[in-house]
N, C-alpha and C. Protein backbone atom coordinates (compact mmCIF):
# COMPACT_ATOMS: atom_id res chain seq x y z
N MET A 1 -56.87 20.59 -264.29
CA MET A 1 -57.07 19.67 -265.67
C MET A 1 -57.08 20.78 -266.96
N SER A 2 -56.08 20.57 -267.76
CA SER A 2 -56.29 20.65 -269.34
C SER A 2 -57.43 20.79 -269.98
N HIS A 3 -57.68 21.96 -270.18
CA HIS A 3 -59.20 21.69 -271.49
C HIS A 3 -59.15 21.37 -272.92
N ASN A 4 -57.73 20.83 -273.14
CA ASN A 4 -57.42 20.65 -274.67
C ASN A 4 -57.15 19.23 -275.03
N THR A 5 -56.95 18.37 -274.08
CA THR A 5 -56.49 17.21 -274.12
C THR A 5 -57.13 16.40 -275.33
N LEU A 6 -56.79 15.21 -275.79
CA LEU A 6 -57.39 14.02 -276.71
C LEU A 6 -58.83 13.98 -276.18
N ILE A 7 -58.77 13.94 -275.15
CA ILE A 7 -60.27 13.16 -274.70
C ILE A 7 -61.44 14.51 -274.77
N HIS A 8 -60.75 15.43 -274.21
CA HIS A 8 -61.41 16.67 -274.47
C HIS A 8 -62.40 17.03 -275.96
N ARG A 9 -61.00 16.99 -276.64
CA ARG A 9 -61.45 17.18 -278.33
C ARG A 9 -62.53 16.19 -278.39
N GLY A 10 -62.68 15.14 -278.59
CA GLY A 10 -63.52 13.95 -278.68
C GLY A 10 -64.92 13.99 -278.27
N VAL A 11 -64.95 14.75 -276.63
CA VAL A 11 -66.17 15.03 -276.33
C VAL A 11 -66.66 16.44 -276.61
N ARG A 12 -65.59 17.05 -277.26
CA ARG A 12 -66.61 18.57 -277.69
C ARG A 12 -67.11 18.15 -279.14
N VAL A 13 -66.69 17.65 -279.85
CA VAL A 13 -67.10 16.90 -280.57
C VAL A 13 -68.99 16.43 -280.42
N LEU A 14 -69.14 15.35 -279.72
CA LEU A 14 -70.27 14.94 -278.97
C LEU A 14 -71.32 15.84 -278.17
N VAL A 15 -70.73 16.86 -277.67
CA VAL A 15 -71.25 18.13 -276.80
C VAL A 15 -71.61 19.35 -277.81
N ARG A 16 -70.80 19.81 -278.73
CA ARG A 16 -71.24 20.93 -279.93
C ARG A 16 -72.91 20.68 -279.97
N PRO A 17 -73.61 19.24 -280.73
CA PRO A 17 -74.66 19.70 -281.11
C PRO A 17 -75.93 20.43 -279.74
N LEU A 18 -75.45 20.16 -278.49
CA LEU A 18 -76.19 20.32 -277.38
C LEU A 18 -76.02 21.75 -277.05
N VAL A 19 -75.43 22.67 -277.72
CA VAL A 19 -75.17 24.06 -277.45
C VAL A 19 -76.43 24.93 -277.65
N ARG A 20 -77.41 24.78 -278.43
CA ARG A 20 -78.57 25.35 -278.81
C ARG A 20 -79.65 24.71 -277.86
N THR A 21 -79.66 23.52 -277.05
CA THR A 21 -80.76 23.20 -276.62
C THR A 21 -80.72 23.63 -275.29
N SER A 22 -81.76 23.07 -274.77
CA SER A 22 -82.09 23.66 -272.95
C SER A 22 -81.32 22.76 -271.94
N ILE A 23 -80.41 21.70 -272.38
CA ILE A 23 -79.39 21.13 -271.42
C ILE A 23 -78.57 22.13 -271.01
N LYS A 24 -78.44 22.16 -269.85
CA LYS A 24 -77.36 22.94 -269.01
C LYS A 24 -75.92 22.29 -268.49
N PRO A 25 -74.86 22.91 -268.38
CA PRO A 25 -74.11 22.16 -267.89
C PRO A 25 -74.02 21.39 -266.38
N ASN A 26 -74.67 22.01 -265.54
CA ASN A 26 -75.04 21.27 -264.19
C ASN A 26 -75.79 20.30 -264.34
N GLN A 27 -76.76 20.41 -265.49
CA GLN A 27 -77.84 18.96 -265.31
C GLN A 27 -76.87 17.82 -265.73
N ILE A 28 -75.40 18.05 -266.74
CA ILE A 28 -74.90 17.03 -267.20
C ILE A 28 -73.85 16.69 -265.70
N THR A 29 -73.58 17.65 -264.84
CA THR A 29 -72.57 17.37 -263.83
C THR A 29 -73.04 16.86 -262.87
N THR A 30 -74.61 17.02 -262.79
CA THR A 30 -75.42 15.77 -261.65
C THR A 30 -75.45 14.61 -262.37
N LEU A 31 -75.67 14.24 -264.03
CA LEU A 31 -75.70 13.02 -264.33
C LEU A 31 -74.58 12.30 -263.83
N ARG A 32 -73.22 13.17 -263.99
CA ARG A 32 -72.02 12.80 -263.79
C ARG A 32 -71.64 12.14 -262.15
N LEU A 33 -72.53 12.72 -261.46
CA LEU A 33 -72.24 12.51 -260.17
C LEU A 33 -73.37 11.18 -259.63
N ALA A 34 -74.05 11.07 -260.38
CA ALA A 34 -74.78 10.09 -260.34
C ALA A 34 -74.14 8.77 -260.71
N ALA A 35 -73.33 8.89 -262.09
CA ALA A 35 -73.14 7.54 -262.57
C ALA A 35 -71.83 7.07 -261.56
N GLY A 36 -71.49 8.52 -260.95
CA GLY A 36 -69.96 8.10 -260.01
C GLY A 36 -70.53 7.08 -258.71
N PHE A 37 -71.68 7.66 -258.18
CA PHE A 37 -72.32 6.91 -257.38
C PHE A 37 -72.65 5.66 -257.66
N GLY A 38 -73.27 5.46 -259.22
CA GLY A 38 -73.36 4.14 -259.58
C GLY A 38 -72.42 3.21 -259.49
N THR A 39 -71.15 3.79 -259.87
CA THR A 39 -69.98 3.12 -260.19
C THR A 39 -69.52 2.55 -258.94
N ALA A 40 -69.46 3.29 -257.62
CA ALA A 40 -69.01 3.11 -256.14
C ALA A 40 -69.92 1.93 -255.96
N ALA A 41 -71.43 1.90 -255.95
CA ALA A 41 -72.08 0.84 -255.90
C ALA A 41 -72.27 -0.20 -256.40
N ALA A 42 -71.95 -0.36 -257.55
CA ALA A 42 -71.64 -1.82 -258.55
C ALA A 42 -70.30 -1.89 -258.21
N LEU A 43 -69.41 -1.45 -257.82
CA LEU A 43 -68.12 -1.91 -257.26
C LEU A 43 -68.22 -2.89 -255.92
N ALA A 44 -68.72 -1.92 -255.08
CA ALA A 44 -69.04 -2.45 -253.85
C ALA A 44 -69.52 -3.71 -253.59
N VAL A 45 -70.36 -4.43 -254.62
CA VAL A 45 -71.14 -5.55 -254.69
C VAL A 45 -69.98 -6.93 -254.79
N GLY A 46 -68.93 -6.99 -255.33
CA GLY A 46 -68.07 -7.55 -255.47
C GLY A 46 -68.02 -8.60 -256.27
N GLU A 47 -68.78 -8.73 -257.17
CA GLU A 47 -69.31 -9.78 -258.26
C GLU A 47 -68.84 -9.81 -259.64
N PRO A 48 -68.56 -10.41 -260.50
CA PRO A 48 -67.83 -10.27 -261.69
C PRO A 48 -68.49 -9.49 -262.86
N LEU A 49 -70.35 -9.98 -262.54
CA LEU A 49 -70.97 -8.71 -263.33
C LEU A 49 -70.82 -7.32 -263.15
N TRP A 50 -71.22 -7.19 -261.89
CA TRP A 50 -71.09 -5.90 -261.21
C TRP A 50 -69.57 -4.98 -261.02
N TRP A 51 -68.41 -6.07 -261.46
CA TRP A 51 -67.66 -5.10 -261.66
C TRP A 51 -67.19 -4.97 -263.23
N ASN A 52 -68.04 -5.00 -264.28
CA ASN A 52 -67.93 -5.01 -265.26
C ASN A 52 -69.02 -3.62 -265.73
N ILE A 53 -70.15 -3.67 -264.91
CA ILE A 53 -70.99 -2.91 -265.19
C ILE A 53 -70.39 -1.58 -264.33
N GLY A 54 -69.73 -1.41 -263.01
CA GLY A 54 -68.92 -0.53 -262.36
C GLY A 54 -68.12 0.01 -263.86
N ALA A 55 -67.43 -0.81 -264.21
CA ALA A 55 -66.51 -0.08 -265.22
C ALA A 55 -66.99 0.63 -266.27
N GLY A 56 -67.89 0.28 -266.52
CA GLY A 56 -68.84 1.06 -267.99
C GLY A 56 -69.21 1.87 -267.27
N LEU A 57 -70.00 2.00 -266.03
CA LEU A 57 -70.54 3.45 -265.46
C LEU A 57 -69.20 4.06 -265.30
N PHE A 58 -68.03 4.09 -264.92
CA PHE A 58 -66.90 4.74 -264.53
C PHE A 58 -66.32 5.52 -266.27
N VAL A 59 -66.36 4.95 -267.47
CA VAL A 59 -66.33 5.57 -268.19
C VAL A 59 -67.40 6.68 -268.74
N LEU A 60 -68.73 6.04 -268.41
CA LEU A 60 -70.06 7.02 -268.82
C LEU A 60 -69.42 8.12 -267.86
N SER A 61 -69.16 8.08 -266.68
CA SER A 61 -69.09 9.33 -265.74
C SER A 61 -68.03 9.96 -265.79
N ALA A 62 -66.81 9.70 -266.44
CA ALA A 62 -65.46 10.34 -266.87
C ALA A 62 -66.00 11.28 -268.15
N ILE A 63 -66.54 10.55 -269.10
CA ILE A 63 -67.12 11.18 -270.28
C ILE A 63 -67.80 12.39 -269.99
N LEU A 64 -68.79 12.09 -269.13
CA LEU A 64 -69.57 13.17 -268.62
C LEU A 64 -68.80 14.13 -267.69
N ASP A 65 -67.83 13.82 -267.32
CA ASP A 65 -66.95 14.84 -266.32
C ASP A 65 -66.30 15.70 -267.24
N ARG A 66 -65.73 15.56 -268.92
CA ARG A 66 -65.61 16.51 -269.49
C ARG A 66 -66.75 17.39 -270.17
N ALA A 67 -67.79 16.45 -270.35
CA ALA A 67 -68.45 17.08 -271.07
C ALA A 67 -69.29 18.19 -270.48
N ASP A 68 -69.23 18.11 -269.27
CA ASP A 68 -70.34 19.31 -268.58
C ASP A 68 -69.22 20.86 -268.83
N GLY A 69 -67.78 20.63 -268.74
CA GLY A 69 -67.32 22.11 -268.97
C GLY A 69 -67.22 22.13 -270.04
N GLU A 70 -67.27 21.29 -271.08
CA GLU A 70 -67.24 21.70 -272.62
C GLU A 70 -68.26 22.14 -272.81
N LEU A 71 -69.55 22.00 -272.64
CA LEU A 71 -70.85 22.36 -272.66
C LEU A 71 -70.52 23.83 -272.06
N ALA A 72 -70.33 23.88 -271.05
CA ALA A 72 -70.31 25.77 -270.48
C ALA A 72 -69.78 26.35 -271.00
N ARG A 73 -68.19 25.93 -271.71
CA ARG A 73 -67.69 26.89 -272.45
C ARG A 73 -67.68 27.06 -274.06
N LEU A 74 -68.80 25.93 -274.49
CA LEU A 74 -69.23 26.28 -275.89
C LEU A 74 -70.39 27.32 -275.81
N SER A 75 -70.92 26.88 -274.89
CA SER A 75 -72.30 27.77 -274.79
C SER A 75 -72.14 28.94 -273.92
N GLY A 76 -70.80 29.54 -273.79
CA GLY A 76 -70.98 30.62 -273.10
C GLY A 76 -71.33 30.79 -271.31
N ARG A 77 -71.58 29.60 -271.00
CA ARG A 77 -72.58 29.47 -269.44
C ARG A 77 -71.62 28.93 -268.65
N THR A 78 -70.47 29.45 -268.39
CA THR A 78 -69.76 29.00 -267.16
C THR A 78 -69.80 30.09 -266.03
N SER A 79 -69.72 29.51 -264.79
CA SER A 79 -69.94 30.28 -263.82
C SER A 79 -69.24 29.61 -262.81
N PRO A 80 -68.85 30.21 -261.56
CA PRO A 80 -68.23 30.21 -260.55
C PRO A 80 -68.60 29.15 -260.02
N GLY A 81 -70.55 29.22 -259.54
CA GLY A 81 -71.14 28.14 -258.80
C GLY A 81 -71.10 26.84 -259.36
N GLY A 82 -70.97 26.81 -260.93
CA GLY A 82 -70.72 25.88 -261.63
C GLY A 82 -69.63 24.73 -261.42
N HIS A 83 -68.48 25.89 -261.51
CA HIS A 83 -66.97 25.22 -261.51
C HIS A 83 -66.85 24.48 -260.10
N VAL A 84 -67.41 25.25 -259.03
CA VAL A 84 -67.35 24.74 -257.78
C VAL A 84 -68.28 23.35 -257.83
N TYR A 85 -69.32 23.12 -258.18
CA TYR A 85 -70.38 22.12 -258.07
C TYR A 85 -69.14 20.84 -259.00
N ASP A 86 -68.91 21.34 -260.26
CA ASP A 86 -67.84 20.36 -261.08
C ASP A 86 -67.07 19.75 -259.94
N LEU A 87 -65.97 20.68 -259.34
CA LEU A 87 -65.06 19.97 -258.55
C LEU A 87 -65.44 19.06 -257.34
N VAL A 88 -66.52 19.58 -256.89
CA VAL A 88 -67.37 18.75 -255.87
C VAL A 88 -67.68 17.55 -255.94
N SER A 89 -68.24 17.37 -257.13
CA SER A 89 -68.88 15.76 -257.95
C SER A 89 -67.85 15.26 -258.17
N ASP A 90 -66.20 15.79 -258.77
CA ASP A 90 -65.32 15.29 -259.27
C ASP A 90 -64.61 14.45 -257.89
N ALA A 91 -64.59 15.28 -256.89
CA ALA A 91 -64.46 14.73 -255.48
C ALA A 91 -65.07 13.33 -255.04
N LEU A 92 -66.43 13.85 -255.09
CA LEU A 92 -67.13 12.44 -254.30
C LEU A 92 -67.02 11.62 -255.28
N SER A 93 -67.16 11.44 -256.08
CA SER A 93 -67.36 10.83 -257.54
C SER A 93 -66.06 9.26 -257.83
N ASN A 94 -64.92 10.30 -257.93
CA ASN A 94 -63.61 9.49 -257.65
C ASN A 94 -63.40 8.97 -256.35
N ALA A 95 -63.31 9.70 -255.26
CA ALA A 95 -63.26 9.33 -253.99
C ALA A 95 -64.03 7.84 -253.61
N LEU A 96 -65.69 7.80 -254.00
CA LEU A 96 -66.03 7.05 -253.69
C LEU A 96 -66.21 5.51 -254.61
N VAL A 97 -65.36 5.69 -255.42
CA VAL A 97 -65.20 4.77 -256.48
C VAL A 97 -64.13 3.74 -255.71
N PHE A 98 -63.09 4.48 -255.42
CA PHE A 98 -62.28 3.71 -254.59
C PHE A 98 -62.88 3.01 -253.50
N VAL A 99 -63.48 3.91 -252.53
CA VAL A 99 -64.41 3.35 -251.51
C VAL A 99 -64.96 1.91 -251.64
N GLY A 100 -65.77 2.27 -253.04
CA GLY A 100 -66.65 1.11 -253.51
C GLY A 100 -65.57 -0.25 -253.74
N LEU A 101 -64.53 0.05 -254.60
CA LEU A 101 -63.50 -1.16 -254.54
C LEU A 101 -63.06 -1.88 -253.40
N GLY A 102 -62.82 -0.81 -252.82
CA GLY A 102 -62.32 -1.26 -251.46
C GLY A 102 -63.18 -2.63 -250.77
N ILE A 103 -64.59 -1.96 -250.91
CA ILE A 103 -65.48 -2.59 -250.18
C ILE A 103 -65.71 -3.90 -251.10
N GLY A 104 -65.77 -4.03 -252.17
CA GLY A 104 -65.96 -5.15 -253.43
C GLY A 104 -65.09 -6.02 -253.25
N LEU A 105 -63.57 -5.58 -252.43
CA LEU A 105 -62.52 -6.91 -252.50
C LEU A 105 -62.33 -7.26 -251.24
N ARG A 106 -63.44 -7.12 -250.25
CA ARG A 106 -63.24 -7.49 -249.02
C ARG A 106 -63.43 -9.06 -248.96
N ASP A 107 -63.40 -9.61 -249.90
CA ASP A 107 -63.37 -11.45 -249.63
C ASP A 107 -62.20 -11.83 -250.63
N SER A 108 -61.59 -10.86 -251.05
CA SER A 108 -60.22 -11.38 -251.67
C SER A 108 -58.84 -11.78 -250.74
N VAL A 109 -57.86 -11.81 -251.39
CA VAL A 109 -56.58 -12.08 -250.46
C VAL A 109 -56.20 -11.13 -249.80
N LEU A 110 -56.89 -9.90 -250.32
CA LEU A 110 -56.20 -8.49 -249.13
C LEU A 110 -57.15 -8.58 -247.89
N GLY A 111 -58.48 -9.37 -248.10
CA GLY A 111 -59.42 -9.63 -246.63
C GLY A 111 -59.83 -8.25 -246.38
N HIS A 112 -60.21 -7.64 -245.04
CA HIS A 112 -60.98 -6.73 -244.91
C HIS A 112 -60.07 -5.35 -244.89
N TRP A 113 -58.55 -5.62 -245.01
CA TRP A 113 -57.94 -4.38 -245.08
C TRP A 113 -57.88 -3.78 -246.52
N SER A 114 -58.51 -4.50 -247.05
CA SER A 114 -58.99 -3.55 -248.59
C SER A 114 -60.16 -2.49 -248.07
N ILE A 115 -60.89 -2.65 -247.29
CA ILE A 115 -61.65 -1.12 -246.91
C ILE A 115 -60.92 -0.08 -246.51
N PRO A 116 -60.20 -0.35 -245.77
CA PRO A 116 -59.12 0.89 -244.93
C PRO A 116 -58.41 1.50 -246.29
N MET A 117 -58.15 0.54 -246.93
CA MET A 117 -57.06 0.75 -248.70
C MET A 117 -57.75 1.68 -249.52
N GLY A 118 -59.03 1.28 -249.71
CA GLY A 118 -60.05 2.14 -250.62
C GLY A 118 -60.32 3.24 -249.79
N VAL A 119 -60.51 3.49 -248.45
CA VAL A 119 -60.86 4.76 -247.99
C VAL A 119 -59.42 5.89 -247.82
N ALA A 120 -58.37 5.12 -248.06
CA ALA A 120 -56.98 5.87 -247.94
C ALA A 120 -57.02 6.43 -249.43
N ALA A 121 -57.23 5.81 -250.31
CA ALA A 121 -56.88 6.22 -251.86
C ALA A 121 -57.84 7.53 -251.49
N GLY A 122 -59.29 7.16 -251.71
CA GLY A 122 -60.72 7.89 -251.84
C GLY A 122 -60.37 9.13 -250.96
N GLY A 123 -59.67 9.32 -249.67
CA GLY A 123 -59.60 10.19 -249.04
C GLY A 123 -58.31 11.21 -249.68
N ALA A 124 -57.46 10.66 -249.99
CA ALA A 124 -56.66 11.34 -250.94
C ALA A 124 -56.66 11.89 -251.86
N ILE A 125 -58.06 11.25 -252.93
CA ILE A 125 -58.22 12.17 -253.94
C ILE A 125 -59.23 13.36 -253.77
N ALA A 126 -60.10 12.94 -252.42
CA ALA A 126 -61.18 14.36 -252.21
C ALA A 126 -59.85 15.49 -251.35
N LEU A 127 -58.56 14.71 -250.71
CA LEU A 127 -57.96 15.90 -250.09
C LEU A 127 -57.44 17.08 -251.01
N ILE A 128 -56.71 16.26 -252.25
CA ILE A 128 -56.58 16.72 -253.28
C ILE A 128 -57.37 17.97 -253.78
N LEU A 129 -58.68 17.54 -254.33
CA LEU A 129 -59.84 18.29 -254.93
C LEU A 129 -60.11 19.41 -253.85
N TRP A 130 -60.06 19.12 -252.82
CA TRP A 130 -60.07 20.15 -251.84
C TRP A 130 -58.95 21.31 -251.69
N ALA A 131 -58.08 20.83 -251.80
CA ALA A 131 -57.06 21.71 -252.29
C ALA A 131 -56.81 22.60 -253.17
N VAL A 132 -57.24 21.66 -254.24
CA VAL A 132 -57.76 22.43 -255.79
C VAL A 132 -58.38 23.93 -255.21
N MET A 133 -59.64 23.67 -254.88
CA MET A 133 -60.81 24.33 -254.38
C MET A 133 -60.02 26.00 -253.37
N ALA A 134 -59.36 25.16 -252.48
CA ALA A 134 -58.77 26.19 -251.62
C ALA A 134 -57.26 27.40 -252.49
N ILE A 135 -56.98 26.60 -253.52
CA ILE A 135 -56.16 27.25 -254.32
C ILE A 135 -56.78 27.88 -255.00
N GLU A 136 -57.73 27.71 -255.59
CA GLU A 136 -58.29 28.63 -256.67
C GLU A 136 -59.22 29.64 -255.87
N ALA A 137 -59.78 29.28 -255.06
CA ALA A 137 -60.06 30.69 -254.06
C ALA A 137 -59.22 31.65 -253.80
N ARG A 138 -57.90 31.48 -253.46
CA ARG A 138 -56.95 32.41 -253.53
C ARG A 138 -56.32 33.20 -254.36
N GLN A 139 -56.39 32.25 -255.94
CA GLN A 139 -55.68 32.80 -256.96
C GLN A 139 -56.17 32.72 -258.47
N GLY A 140 -57.57 32.16 -258.15
CA GLY A 140 -58.51 32.52 -259.47
C GLY A 140 -58.46 30.88 -260.13
N SER A 141 -59.23 30.72 -261.07
CA SER A 141 -59.57 29.52 -261.29
C SER A 141 -58.35 28.76 -262.67
N ARG A 142 -58.33 27.59 -262.32
CA ARG A 142 -56.93 26.82 -262.86
C ARG A 142 -55.52 27.32 -262.35
N ALA A 143 -55.36 27.78 -260.88
CA ALA A 143 -54.32 28.25 -260.59
C ALA A 143 -53.82 26.82 -259.71
N ALA A 144 -54.48 25.88 -259.88
CA ALA A 144 -53.22 24.55 -259.36
C ALA A 144 -53.49 23.66 -260.59
N GLU A 145 -53.92 23.79 -261.86
CA GLU A 145 -53.50 23.34 -262.74
C GLU A 145 -52.03 22.83 -263.14
N LEU A 146 -51.75 21.28 -263.20
CA LEU A 146 -50.64 20.81 -263.62
C LEU A 146 -50.83 20.44 -265.35
N GLN A 147 -49.73 20.81 -265.72
CA GLN A 147 -49.75 20.73 -267.57
C GLN A 147 -49.59 19.59 -267.63
N GLY A 148 -50.18 19.08 -268.73
CA GLY A 148 -50.19 17.73 -269.30
C GLY A 148 -48.94 17.97 -270.63
N SER A 149 -49.08 16.83 -271.31
CA SER A 149 -48.05 16.68 -272.40
C SER A 149 -48.82 16.02 -273.43
N GLY A 150 -48.69 15.85 -274.78
CA GLY A 150 -48.71 14.91 -275.67
C GLY A 150 -50.51 14.68 -275.66
N GLY A 151 -51.00 15.97 -275.24
CA GLY A 151 -52.62 15.57 -275.56
C GLY A 151 -53.07 15.02 -274.05
N PHE A 152 -52.41 14.69 -273.36
CA PHE A 152 -52.75 14.06 -272.23
C PHE A 152 -52.27 14.77 -271.20
N ASP A 153 -53.26 14.64 -269.97
CA ASP A 153 -53.24 15.34 -269.04
C ASP A 153 -53.27 14.48 -267.85
N PRO A 154 -52.74 15.01 -266.41
CA PRO A 154 -52.10 13.99 -265.22
C PRO A 154 -53.60 13.48 -265.21
N ASP A 155 -54.83 14.29 -264.91
CA ASP A 155 -56.30 13.69 -264.35
C ASP A 155 -56.17 12.64 -264.94
N ASP A 156 -56.16 12.20 -266.53
CA ASP A 156 -56.63 11.37 -267.30
C ASP A 156 -55.90 9.78 -267.01
N ALA A 157 -54.96 9.67 -265.79
CA ALA A 157 -54.63 8.72 -265.14
C ALA A 157 -55.80 7.96 -264.69
N ILE A 158 -56.72 8.63 -264.03
CA ILE A 158 -58.16 7.86 -263.58
C ILE A 158 -58.52 6.85 -264.40
N LEU A 159 -58.32 7.14 -265.73
CA LEU A 159 -58.68 6.28 -266.84
C LEU A 159 -58.63 4.94 -266.53
N ALA A 160 -57.53 4.72 -266.31
CA ALA A 160 -57.04 3.60 -265.96
C ALA A 160 -57.50 2.84 -264.98
N VAL A 161 -58.80 3.18 -264.23
CA VAL A 161 -59.58 2.22 -263.78
C VAL A 161 -60.23 1.01 -264.22
N PRO A 162 -61.26 1.65 -265.08
CA PRO A 162 -61.70 0.51 -266.11
C PRO A 162 -60.99 -0.33 -266.73
N VAL A 163 -59.78 0.06 -267.05
CA VAL A 163 -58.76 -0.94 -267.86
C VAL A 163 -58.52 -1.89 -266.94
N PHE A 164 -57.89 -1.67 -265.95
CA PHE A 164 -57.66 -2.76 -264.55
C PHE A 164 -58.56 -3.55 -264.42
N ILE A 165 -60.16 -3.26 -264.15
CA ILE A 165 -60.68 -3.61 -263.73
C ILE A 165 -61.10 -4.59 -265.11
N TRP A 166 -61.67 -4.34 -266.21
CA TRP A 166 -61.67 -5.38 -267.48
C TRP A 166 -60.68 -6.54 -267.19
N PHE A 167 -59.54 -6.03 -267.08
CA PHE A 167 -58.34 -6.94 -267.14
C PHE A 167 -58.51 -8.02 -265.79
N GLY A 168 -59.42 -7.88 -264.80
CA GLY A 168 -59.42 -8.62 -263.57
C GLY A 168 -58.28 -8.35 -262.66
N ALA A 169 -57.76 -6.87 -262.81
CA ALA A 169 -56.64 -6.45 -261.87
C ALA A 169 -57.15 -5.60 -260.82
N MET A 170 -58.03 -5.98 -260.22
CA MET A 170 -58.76 -4.83 -259.57
C MET A 170 -57.83 -4.78 -257.90
N GLN A 171 -57.20 -5.73 -257.59
CA GLN A 171 -56.64 -5.93 -256.41
C GLN A 171 -55.34 -5.06 -256.77
N GLU A 172 -54.37 -5.45 -257.68
CA GLU A 172 -53.74 -4.73 -258.02
C GLU A 172 -53.73 -3.01 -258.30
N LEU A 173 -54.93 -2.87 -258.78
CA LEU A 173 -55.26 -1.54 -259.06
C LEU A 173 -55.86 -0.89 -257.55
N LEU A 174 -56.38 -1.34 -256.50
CA LEU A 174 -56.40 -0.93 -255.42
C LEU A 174 -55.05 -0.64 -254.69
N ILE A 175 -54.18 -1.45 -254.72
CA ILE A 175 -52.72 -1.27 -253.79
C ILE A 175 -52.17 -0.15 -254.45
N ALA A 176 -52.18 -0.06 -256.01
CA ALA A 176 -51.57 0.99 -256.88
C ALA A 176 -52.43 2.32 -256.12
N ALA A 177 -53.49 2.46 -256.08
CA ALA A 177 -54.25 3.62 -255.63
C ALA A 177 -53.67 3.85 -254.50
N ALA A 178 -53.73 2.72 -253.35
CA ALA A 178 -53.63 3.27 -251.77
C ALA A 178 -52.34 3.68 -251.90
N ILE A 179 -51.46 3.22 -252.32
CA ILE A 179 -49.91 3.74 -252.56
C ILE A 179 -50.03 5.23 -253.04
N GLY A 180 -49.99 5.36 -254.62
CA GLY A 180 -50.27 6.06 -255.22
C GLY A 180 -50.87 7.83 -255.25
N ALA A 181 -52.19 7.66 -254.15
CA ALA A 181 -52.72 8.31 -254.34
C ALA A 181 -52.61 9.34 -253.00
N PRO A 182 -52.62 8.60 -252.11
CA PRO A 182 -51.60 9.70 -251.12
C PRO A 182 -50.41 10.15 -251.37
N GLY A 183 -49.65 9.29 -252.30
CA GLY A 183 -48.17 9.87 -252.28
C GLY A 183 -48.30 11.35 -253.23
N PHE A 184 -49.07 11.01 -253.92
CA PHE A 184 -49.47 12.47 -255.33
C PHE A 184 -50.16 13.50 -254.21
N ALA A 185 -50.78 12.87 -253.45
CA ALA A 185 -51.40 14.06 -252.52
C ALA A 185 -50.27 14.88 -251.83
N ILE A 186 -49.58 14.16 -251.11
CA ILE A 186 -48.49 15.41 -250.40
C ILE A 186 -47.64 15.61 -251.61
N TYR A 187 -46.86 15.03 -252.83
CA TYR A 187 -46.48 15.89 -253.48
C TYR A 187 -47.10 17.43 -254.00
N PHE A 188 -48.53 17.18 -254.16
CA PHE A 188 -49.22 18.08 -254.44
C PHE A 188 -49.45 19.56 -253.37
N LEU A 189 -49.49 18.71 -252.41
CA LEU A 189 -49.50 19.81 -250.88
C LEU A 189 -48.37 20.47 -250.77
N ILE A 190 -47.39 19.60 -251.05
CA ILE A 190 -45.91 20.46 -250.97
C ILE A 190 -45.44 21.57 -252.10
N ARG A 191 -46.02 21.20 -253.47
CA ARG A 191 -45.94 21.89 -254.15
C ARG A 191 -46.62 23.24 -254.26
N PHE A 192 -47.92 23.12 -253.61
CA PHE A 192 -48.59 24.39 -253.59
C PHE A 192 -48.66 24.81 -252.22
N ARG A 193 -47.64 24.49 -251.28
CA ARG A 193 -47.58 24.98 -249.98
C ARG A 193 -47.74 26.24 -249.71
N ARG A 194 -47.26 27.10 -250.51
CA ARG A 194 -46.90 28.66 -250.37
C ARG A 194 -48.42 28.71 -250.26
N ILE A 195 -49.01 28.54 -251.56
CA ILE A 195 -50.07 29.31 -251.20
C ILE A 195 -51.09 28.66 -250.40
N LEU A 196 -51.24 27.49 -249.90
CA LEU A 196 -52.33 26.98 -249.22
C LEU A 196 -51.95 27.37 -247.58
N LEU A 197 -50.85 27.92 -247.42
CA LEU A 197 -50.55 28.61 -246.48
C LEU A 197 -50.94 29.98 -246.25
N GLY A 198 -51.36 30.72 -247.46
CA GLY A 198 -51.90 31.81 -247.19
C GLY A 198 -51.15 32.73 -247.57
N ARG A 199 -49.74 32.28 -248.56
CA ARG A 199 -48.82 33.18 -249.23
C ARG A 199 -49.42 33.66 -250.50
N ARG A 200 -48.87 34.44 -250.81
CA ARG A 200 -49.14 34.85 -252.59
C ARG A 200 -48.14 34.85 -253.67
N ASP A 201 -47.46 34.14 -253.35
CA ASP A 201 -46.27 33.66 -254.57
C ASP A 201 -46.22 32.28 -255.19
N ALA A 202 -46.26 32.46 -256.26
CA ALA A 202 -46.28 30.93 -256.67
C ALA A 202 -45.52 29.57 -256.40
N PRO A 203 -46.16 28.48 -256.58
CA PRO A 203 -44.97 27.64 -255.86
C PRO A 203 -43.70 27.33 -256.73
N GLU A 204 -43.13 26.55 -256.47
CA GLU A 204 -41.60 26.25 -256.97
C GLU A 204 -42.16 25.59 -258.02
């Protein structure tokens, strides 16, 4: 993930006043994780009110996801442990959101197929973030970063989740995620296969 996207710049303004406080980046990461769990739980209910609550919690979770890293960099409190905690929180939060979405759509036209679809999407996201951790363990922080453009990052695509929900397109979102997330995971693993297989040369 790039650290200078438009979203990061906006969050940076909000976080700057916290630099001289006792608030620690890992505390924000913990709040992000809690918001991610809350999102998954709300979506799993499968009722209109809880869809909207879940979407709102997802936005909060995404903001906190950017805020912890910004606070760490601005305050000079970056650490390998904090970075790993952030990645694990990302994996759990984003993966569980789609599992919750699948559970919540169990009474839709997708039927109980929605649950394995959610698990497939969530599992693919977790696999990607596991691969990121494995790559960084071999070649250092940000070694698995995919460059964005125009002030946006590939990771920003996750922000489509609340938009789809607020427009009532939860089924379309789940179908897209169940296809797109595993597809991107395959692309990512192929792109970085040399590093993941223990070779030191860069991906093609």
